[in-house]
Full PDB file with SEQRES, HELIX, SHEET, SSBOND, CRYST1, ORIGX, SCALE, CONECT and MASTER records, all heavy atoms in Angstrom:
SEQRES   1 A   32  ALA THR LEU LYS ASP ILE VAL ALA HIS GLY GLY LYS VAL          
SEQRES   2 A   32  VAL ALA PRO ARG PHE GLU VAL LYS GLY VAL VAL VAL LEU          
SEQRES   3 A   32  GLY LEU PHE THR ASP PRO                                      
HELIX    1 AA1 THR A    2  ALA A    8  1                                   7    
SHEET    1 AA1 2 LYS A  12  VAL A  20  0                                        
SHEET    2 AA1 2 VAL A  24  THR A  30 -1                                        
CRYST1    1.000    1.000    1.000  90.00  90.00  90.00 P 1           1          
ORIGX1      1.000000  0.000000  0.000000        0.00000                         
ORIGX2      0.000000  1.000000  0.000000        0.00000                         
ORIGX3      0.000000  0.000000  1.000000        0.00000                         
SCALE1      1.000000  0.000000  0.000000        0.00000                         
SCALE2      0.000000  1.000000  0.000000        0.00000                         
SCALE3      0.000000  0.000000  1.000000        0.00000                         
ATOM      1  N   ALA A   1      99.283  81.397  96.213  1.00  0.00           N  
ATOM      2  CA  ALA A   1     100.510  82.202  96.132  1.00  0.00           C  
ATOM      3  C   ALA A   1     100.467  83.356  97.132  1.00  0.00           C  
ATOM      4  O   ALA A   1     101.471  83.674  97.774  1.00  0.00           O  
ATOM      5  CB  ALA A   1     100.696  82.737  94.715  1.00  0.00           C  
ATOM      6  N   THR A   2      99.308  83.975  97.293  1.00  0.00           N  
ATOM      7  CA  THR A   2      99.191  85.095  98.227  1.00  0.00           C  
ATOM      8  C   THR A   2      99.354  84.623  99.663  1.00  0.00           C  
ATOM      9  O   THR A   2      99.988  85.306 100.480  1.00  0.00           O  
ATOM     10  CB  THR A   2      97.855  85.830  98.031  1.00  0.00           C  
ATOM     11  OG1 THR A   2      97.752  86.249  96.658  1.00  0.00           O  
ATOM     12  CG2 THR A   2      97.756  87.047  98.939  1.00  0.00           C  
ATOM     13  N   LEU A   3      98.822  83.456 100.000  1.00  0.00           N  
ATOM     14  CA  LEU A   3      99.010  82.915 101.349  1.00  0.00           C  
ATOM     15  C   LEU A   3     100.492  82.667 101.636  1.00  0.00           C  
ATOM     16  O   LEU A   3     100.957  82.899 102.752  1.00  0.00           O  
ATOM     17  CB  LEU A   3      98.189  81.646 101.548  1.00  0.00           C  
ATOM     18  CG  LEU A   3      96.672  81.854 101.675  1.00  0.00           C  
ATOM     19  CD1 LEU A   3      95.942  80.514 101.637  1.00  0.00           C  
ATOM     20  CD2 LEU A   3      96.322  82.636 102.929  1.00  0.00           C  
ATOM     21  N   LYS A   4     101.255  82.245 100.622  1.00  0.00           N  
ATOM     22  CA  LYS A   4     102.705  82.073 100.795  1.00  0.00           C  
ATOM     23  C   LYS A   4     103.365  83.418 101.085  1.00  0.00           C  
ATOM     24  O   LYS A   4     104.228  83.515 101.961  1.00  0.00           O  
ATOM     25  CB  LYS A   4     103.328  81.427  99.553  1.00  0.00           C  
ATOM     26  CG  LYS A   4     102.999  79.957  99.411  1.00  0.00           C  
ATOM     27  CD  LYS A   4     103.622  79.364  98.161  1.00  0.00           C  
ATOM     28  CE  LYS A   4     103.180  77.922  97.994  1.00  0.00           C  
ATOM     29  NZ  LYS A   4     103.654  77.331  96.742  1.00  0.00           N  
ATOM     30  N   ASP A   5     102.951  84.478 100.368  1.00  0.00           N  
ATOM     31  CA  ASP A   5     103.480  85.827 100.622  1.00  0.00           C  
ATOM     32  C   ASP A   5     103.123  86.298 102.027  1.00  0.00           C  
ATOM     33  O   ASP A   5     103.927  86.937 102.702  1.00  0.00           O  
ATOM     34  CB  ASP A   5     102.912  86.837  99.621  1.00  0.00           C  
ATOM     35  CG  ASP A   5     103.565  86.768  98.255  1.00  0.00           C  
ATOM     36  OD1 ASP A   5     104.627  86.110  98.133  1.00  0.00           O  
ATOM     37  OD2 ASP A   5     103.025  87.374  97.319  1.00  0.00           O  
ATOM     38  N   ILE A   6     101.921  85.983 102.447  1.00  0.00           N  
ATOM     39  CA  ILE A   6     101.457  86.385 103.777  1.00  0.00           C  
ATOM     40  C   ILE A   6     102.351  85.777 104.854  1.00  0.00           C  
ATOM     41  O   ILE A   6     102.810  86.467 105.759  1.00  0.00           O  
ATOM     42  CB  ILE A   6      99.980  85.994 103.968  1.00  0.00           C  
ATOM     43  CG1 ILE A   6      99.106  86.946 103.137  1.00  0.00           C  
ATOM     44  CG2 ILE A   6      99.571  85.973 105.435  1.00  0.00           C  
ATOM     45  CD1 ILE A   6      97.681  86.491 102.950  1.00  0.00           C  
ATOM     46  N   VAL A   7     102.623  84.490 104.738  1.00  0.00           N  
ATOM     47  CA  VAL A   7     103.489  83.808 105.710  1.00  0.00           C  
ATOM     48  C   VAL A   7     104.905  84.388 105.651  1.00  0.00           C  
ATOM     49  O   VAL A   7     105.521  84.634 106.694  1.00  0.00           O  
ATOM     50  CB  VAL A   7     103.490  82.283 105.456  1.00  0.00           C  
ATOM     51  CG1 VAL A   7     104.549  81.587 106.286  1.00  0.00           C  
ATOM     52  CG2 VAL A   7     102.104  81.696 105.749  1.00  0.00           C  
ATOM     53  N   ALA A   8     105.401  84.641 104.448  1.00  0.00           N  
ATOM     54  CA  ALA A   8     106.746  85.196 104.294  1.00  0.00           C  
ATOM     55  C   ALA A   8     106.888  86.579 104.926  1.00  0.00           C  
ATOM     56  O   ALA A   8     107.991  86.987 105.274  1.00  0.00           O  
ATOM     57  CB  ALA A   8     107.114  85.266 102.810  1.00  0.00           C  
ATOM     58  N   HIS A   9     105.768  87.286 105.096  1.00  0.00           N  
ATOM     59  CA  HIS A   9     105.819  88.639 105.657  1.00  0.00           C  
ATOM     60  C   HIS A   9     105.231  88.724 107.063  1.00  0.00           C  
ATOM     61  O   HIS A   9     104.878  89.801 107.537  1.00  0.00           O  
ATOM     62  CB  HIS A   9     105.121  89.620 104.715  1.00  0.00           C  
ATOM     63  CG  HIS A   9     105.891  89.826 103.454  1.00  0.00           C  
ATOM     64  ND1 HIS A   9     105.668  89.080 102.321  1.00  0.00           N  
ATOM     65  CD2 HIS A   9     106.920  90.650 103.164  1.00  0.00           C  
ATOM     66  CE1 HIS A   9     106.509  89.450 101.383  1.00  0.00           C  
ATOM     67  NE2 HIS A   9     107.290  90.408 101.867  1.00  0.00           N  
ATOM     68  N   GLY A  10     105.135  87.573 107.745  1.00  0.00           N  
ATOM     69  CA  GLY A  10     104.759  87.580 109.160  1.00  0.00           C  
ATOM     70  C   GLY A  10     103.315  87.260 109.483  1.00  0.00           C  
ATOM     71  O   GLY A  10     102.928  87.245 110.642  1.00  0.00           O  
ATOM     72  N   GLY A  11     102.497  86.997 108.483  1.00  0.00           N  
ATOM     73  CA  GLY A  11     101.112  86.604 108.729  1.00  0.00           C  
ATOM     74  C   GLY A  11     101.008  85.095 108.920  1.00  0.00           C  
ATOM     75  O   GLY A  11     102.002  84.372 108.795  1.00  0.00           O  
ATOM     76  N   LYS A  12      99.810  84.619 109.240  1.00  0.00           N  
ATOM     77  CA  LYS A  12      99.588  83.186 109.446  1.00  0.00           C  
ATOM     78  C   LYS A  12      98.380  82.715 108.652  1.00  0.00           C  
ATOM     79  O   LYS A  12      97.372  83.420 108.561  1.00  0.00           O  
ATOM     80  CB  LYS A  12      99.343  82.899 110.923  1.00  0.00           C  
ATOM     81  CG  LYS A  12     100.541  83.183 111.792  1.00  0.00           C  
ATOM     82  CD  LYS A  12     100.252  82.893 113.240  1.00  0.00           C  
ATOM     83  CE  LYS A  12     101.488  83.237 114.064  1.00  0.00           C  
ATOM     84  NZ  LYS A  12     101.221  83.287 115.486  1.00  0.00           N  
ATOM     85  N   VAL A  13      98.478  81.515 108.098  1.00  0.00           N  
ATOM     86  CA  VAL A  13      97.354  80.917 107.374  1.00  0.00           C  
ATOM     87  C   VAL A  13      96.394  80.305 108.389  1.00  0.00           C  
ATOM     88  O   VAL A  13      96.795  79.518 109.239  1.00  0.00           O  
ATOM     89  CB  VAL A  13      97.838  79.834 106.377  1.00  0.00           C  
ATOM     90  CG1 VAL A  13      96.658  79.116 105.740  1.00  0.00           C  
ATOM     91  CG2 VAL A  13      98.746  80.452 105.324  1.00  0.00           C  
ATOM     92  N   VAL A  14      95.124  80.680 108.291  1.00  0.00           N  
ATOM     93  CA  VAL A  14      94.080  80.109 109.141  1.00  0.00           C  
ATOM     94  C   VAL A  14      93.394  78.973 108.400  1.00  0.00           C  
ATOM     95  O   VAL A  14      93.116  77.923 108.975  1.00  0.00           O  
ATOM     96  CB  VAL A  14      93.049  81.194 109.542  1.00  0.00           C  
ATOM     97  CG1 VAL A  14      91.869  80.589 110.288  1.00  0.00           C  
ATOM     98  CG2 VAL A  14      93.720  82.277 110.374  1.00  0.00           C  
ATOM     99  N   ALA A  15      93.128  79.178 107.110  1.00  0.00           N  
ATOM    100  CA  ALA A  15      92.537  78.141 106.253  1.00  0.00           C  
ATOM    101  C   ALA A  15      93.164  78.269 104.877  1.00  0.00           C  
ATOM    102  O   ALA A  15      93.082  79.327 104.251  1.00  0.00           O  
ATOM    103  CB  ALA A  15      91.029  78.307 106.159  1.00  0.00           C  
ATOM    104  N   PRO A  16      93.807  77.199 104.387  1.00  0.00           N  
ATOM    105  CA  PRO A  16      94.395  77.268 103.047  1.00  0.00           C  
ATOM    106  C   PRO A  16      93.291  77.386 101.994  1.00  0.00           C  
ATOM    107  O   PRO A  16      92.106  77.261 102.306  1.00  0.00           O  
ATOM    108  CB  PRO A  16      95.146  75.947 102.921  1.00  0.00           C  
ATOM    109  CG  PRO A  16      94.510  75.040 103.897  1.00  0.00           C  
ATOM    110  CD  PRO A  16      93.971  75.899 105.001  1.00  0.00           C  
ATOM    111  N   ARG A  17      93.704  77.609 100.765  1.00  0.00           N  
ATOM    112  CA  ARG A  17      92.758  77.767  99.646  1.00  0.00           C  
ATOM    113  C   ARG A  17      91.718  76.654  99.683  1.00  0.00           C  
ATOM    114  O   ARG A  17      92.045  75.485  99.788  1.00  0.00           O  
ATOM    115  CB  ARG A  17      93.524  77.725  98.328  1.00  0.00           C  
ATOM    116  CG  ARG A  17      92.657  77.946  97.100  1.00  0.00           C  
ATOM    117  CD  ARG A  17      93.483  77.707  95.831  1.00  0.00           C  
ATOM    118  NE  ARG A  17      92.783  78.066  94.629  1.00  0.00           N  
ATOM    119  CZ  ARG A  17      91.903  77.276  94.002  1.00  0.00           C  
ATOM    120  NH1 ARG A  17      91.610  76.076  94.481  1.00  0.00           N  
ATOM    121  NH2 ARG A  17      91.308  77.697  92.882  1.00  0.00           N  
ATOM    122  N   PHE A  18      90.440  77.053  99.604  1.00  0.00           N  
ATOM    123  CA  PHE A  18      89.359  76.080  99.502  1.00  0.00           C  
ATOM    124  C   PHE A  18      88.252  76.642  98.627  1.00  0.00           C  
ATOM    125  O   PHE A  18      88.169  77.836  98.394  1.00  0.00           O  
ATOM    126  CB  PHE A  18      88.826  75.658 100.876  1.00  0.00           C  
ATOM    127  CG  PHE A  18      88.185  76.750 101.695  1.00  0.00           C  
ATOM    128  CD1 PHE A  18      86.805  76.898 101.742  1.00  0.00           C  
ATOM    129  CD2 PHE A  18      88.965  77.611 102.448  1.00  0.00           C  
ATOM    130  CE1 PHE A  18      86.219  77.887 102.504  1.00  0.00           C  
ATOM    131  CE2 PHE A  18      88.386  78.607 103.226  1.00  0.00           C  
ATOM    132  CZ  PHE A  18      86.997  78.753 103.255  1.00  0.00           C  
ATOM    133  N   GLU A  19      87.439  75.733  98.102  1.00  0.00           N  
ATOM    134  CA  GLU A  19      86.369  76.123  97.191  1.00  0.00           C  
ATOM    135  C   GLU A  19      85.013  75.895  97.839  1.00  0.00           C  
ATOM    136  O   GLU A  19      84.800  74.870  98.478  1.00  0.00           O  
ATOM    137  CB  GLU A  19      86.445  75.304  95.902  1.00  0.00           C  
ATOM    138  CG  GLU A  19      87.726  75.521  95.119  1.00  0.00           C  
ATOM    139  CD  GLU A  19      87.788  74.695  93.831  1.00  0.00           C  
ATOM    140  OE1 GLU A  19      86.878  73.853  93.589  1.00  0.00           O  
ATOM    141  OE2 GLU A  19      88.746  74.896  93.070  1.00  0.00           O  
ATOM    142  N   VAL A  20      84.135  76.856  97.648  1.00  0.00           N  
ATOM    143  CA  VAL A  20      82.726  76.682  97.989  1.00  0.00           C  
ATOM    144  C   VAL A  20      82.050  76.540  96.634  1.00  0.00           C  
ATOM    145  O   VAL A  20      81.904  77.520  95.892  1.00  0.00           O  
ATOM    146  CB  VAL A  20      82.174  77.893  98.781  1.00  0.00           C  
ATOM    147  CG1 VAL A  20      80.700  77.677  99.094  1.00  0.00           C  
ATOM    148  CG2 VAL A  20      82.982  78.117 100.057  1.00  0.00           C  
ATOM    149  N   LYS A  21      81.728  75.299  96.271  1.00  0.00           N  
ATOM    150  CA  LYS A  21      81.228  74.993  94.924  1.00  0.00           C  
ATOM    151  C   LYS A  21      80.070  75.898  94.519  1.00  0.00           C  
ATOM    152  O   LYS A  21      79.131  76.099  95.277  1.00  0.00           O  
ATOM    153  CB  LYS A  21      80.768  73.529  94.836  1.00  0.00           C  
ATOM    154  CG  LYS A  21      81.891  72.526  94.996  1.00  0.00           C  
ATOM    155  CD  LYS A  21      82.822  72.555  93.815  1.00  0.00           C  
ATOM    156  CE  LYS A  21      83.895  71.490  93.971  1.00  0.00           C  
ATOM    157  NZ  LYS A  21      85.038  71.720  93.149  1.00  0.00           N  
ATOM    158  N   GLY A  22      80.205  76.458  93.324  1.00  0.00           N  
ATOM    159  CA  GLY A  22      79.183  77.332  92.783  1.00  0.00           C  
ATOM    160  C   GLY A  22      79.160  78.730  93.386  1.00  0.00           C  
ATOM    161  O   GLY A  22      78.313  79.540  93.037  1.00  0.00           O  
ATOM    162  N   VAL A  23      80.109  79.032  94.305  1.00  0.00           N  
ATOM    163  CA  VAL A  23      80.076  80.331  94.975  1.00  0.00           C  
ATOM    164  C   VAL A  23      81.395  81.084  94.866  1.00  0.00           C  
ATOM    165  O   VAL A  23      81.453  82.170  94.300  1.00  0.00           O  
ATOM    166  CB  VAL A  23      79.681  80.183  96.466  1.00  0.00           C  
ATOM    167  CG1 VAL A  23      79.618  81.547  97.144  1.00  0.00           C  
ATOM    168  CG2 VAL A  23      78.353  79.456  96.604  1.00  0.00           C  
ATOM    169  N   VAL A  24      82.494  80.509  95.433  1.00  0.00           N  
ATOM    170  CA  VAL A  24      83.725  81.281  95.556  1.00  0.00           C  
ATOM    171  C   VAL A  24      84.918  80.377  95.868  1.00  0.00           C  
ATOM    172  O   VAL A  24      84.743  79.250  96.347  1.00  0.00           O  
ATOM    173  CB  VAL A  24      83.565  82.348  96.676  1.00  0.00           C  
ATOM    174  CG1 VAL A  24      83.492  81.710  98.041  1.00  0.00           C  
ATOM    175  CG2 VAL A  24      84.639  83.409  96.637  1.00  0.00           C  
ATOM    176  N   VAL A  25      86.122  80.884  95.606  1.00  0.00           N  
ATOM    177  CA  VAL A  25      87.379  80.255  96.026  1.00  0.00           C  
ATOM    178  C   VAL A  25      88.006  81.217  97.022  1.00  0.00           C  
ATOM    179  O   VAL A  25      88.142  82.406  96.747  1.00  0.00           O  
ATOM    180  CB  VAL A  25      88.344  80.054  94.829  1.00  0.00           C  
ATOM    181  CG1 VAL A  25      89.683  79.506  95.309  1.00  0.00           C  
ATOM    182  CG2 VAL A  25      87.721  79.145  93.788  1.00  0.00           C  
ATOM    183  N   LEU A  26      88.364  80.715  98.211  1.00  0.00           N  
ATOM    184  CA  LEU A  26      88.931  81.610  99.211  1.00  0.00           C  
ATOM    185  C   LEU A  26      89.961  80.963 100.093  1.00  0.00           C  
ATOM    186  O   LEU A  26      90.230  79.775 100.011  1.00  0.00           O  
ATOM    187  CB  LEU A  26      87.835  82.259 100.073  1.00  0.00           C  
ATOM    188  CG  LEU A  26      86.696  81.424 100.565  1.00  0.00           C  
ATOM    189  CD1 LEU A  26      86.590  81.423 102.068  1.00  0.00           C  
ATOM    190  CD2 LEU A  26      85.447  82.085 100.022  1.00  0.00           C  
ATOM    191  N   GLY A  27      90.562  81.783 100.937  1.00  0.00           N  
ATOM    192  CA  GLY A  27      91.520  81.367 101.947  1.00  0.00           C  
ATOM    193  C   GLY A  27      91.429  82.369 103.087  1.00  0.00           C  
ATOM    194  O   GLY A  27      90.978  83.495 102.886  1.00  0.00           O  
ATOM    195  N   LEU A  28      91.836  81.955 104.282  1.00  0.00           N  
ATOM    196  CA  LEU A  28      91.758  82.832 105.450  1.00  0.00           C  
ATOM    197  C   LEU A  28      93.123  82.958 106.100  1.00  0.00           C  
ATOM    198  O   LEU A  28      93.903  82.006 106.115  1.00  0.00           O  
ATOM    199  CB  LEU A  28      90.753  82.273 106.461  1.00  0.00           C  
ATOM    200  CG  LEU A  28      89.323  82.077 105.939  1.00  0.00           C  
ATOM    201  CD1 LEU A  28      88.478  81.353 106.977  1.00  0.00           C  
ATOM    202  CD2 LEU A  28      88.697  83.406 105.560  1.00  0.00           C  
ATOM    203  N   PHE A  29      93.404  84.142 106.653  1.00  0.00           N  
ATOM    204  CA  PHE A  29      94.690  84.382 107.293  1.00  0.00           C  
ATOM    205  C   PHE A  29      94.542  85.400 108.399  1.00  0.00           C  
ATOM    206  O   PHE A  29      93.511  86.056 108.525  1.00  0.00           O  
ATOM    207  CB  PHE A  29      95.724  84.850 106.261  1.00  0.00           C  
ATOM    208  CG  PHE A  29      95.491  86.243 105.726  1.00  0.00           C  
ATOM    209  CD1 PHE A  29      96.149  87.344 106.277  1.00  0.00           C  
ATOM    210  CD2 PHE A  29      94.629  86.460 104.661  1.00  0.00           C  
ATOM    211  CE1 PHE A  29      95.951  88.617 105.774  1.00  0.00           C  
ATOM    212  CE2 PHE A  29      94.423  87.735 104.160  1.00  0.00           C  
ATOM    213  CZ  PHE A  29      95.089  88.824 104.714  1.00  0.00           C  
ATOM    214  N   THR A  30      95.591  85.538 109.195  1.00  0.00           N  
ATOM    215  CA  THR A  30      95.703  86.657 110.123  1.00  0.00           C  
ATOM    216  C   THR A  30      96.939  87.455 109.736  1.00  0.00           C  
ATOM    217  O   THR A  30      97.947  86.886 109.301  1.00  0.00           O  
ATOM    218  CB  THR A  30      95.811  86.210 111.601  1.00  0.00           C  
ATOM    219  OG1 THR A  30      96.918  85.325 111.758  1.00  0.00           O  
ATOM    220  CG2 THR A  30      94.533  85.530 112.073  1.00  0.00           C  
ATOM    221  N   ASP A  31      96.840  88.768 109.879  1.00  0.00           N  
ATOM    222  CA  ASP A  31      97.992  89.620 109.602  1.00  0.00           C  
ATOM    223  C   ASP A  31      98.944  89.560 110.798  1.00  0.00           C  
ATOM    224  O   ASP A  31      98.644  88.888 111.791  1.00  0.00           O  
ATOM    225  CB  ASP A  31      97.542  91.043 109.245  1.00  0.00           C  
ATOM    226  CG  ASP A  31      96.944  91.825 110.403  1.00  0.00           C  
ATOM    227  OD1 ASP A  31      97.027  91.390 111.566  1.00  0.00           O  
ATOM    228  OD2 ASP A  31      96.382  92.899 110.140  1.00  0.00           O  
ATOM    229  N   PRO A  32     100.098  90.209 110.740  1.00  0.00           N  
ATOM    230  CA  PRO A  32     101.057  90.125 111.846  1.00  0.00           C  
ATOM    231  C   PRO A  32     100.493  90.576 113.204  1.00  0.00           C  
ATOM    232  O   PRO A  32     100.971  90.132 114.243  1.00  0.00           O  
ATOM    233  CB  PRO A  32     102.203  91.043 111.408  1.00  0.00           C  
ATOM    234  CG  PRO A  32     102.153  90.999 109.918  1.00  0.00           C  
ATOM    235  CD  PRO A  32     100.678  90.933 109.594  1.00  0.00           C  
TER     236      PRO A  32                                                      
MASTER        0    0    0    1    2    0    0    6  235    1    0    3          
END                                                                             
């Protein structure tokens, strides 16, 4: 949901939501 907000406000998705098993859930983006 946050990546969608980022795109809506001028940012770009670099990596959509992904899981690192046993560690973390993350996503990557660039701001405007």
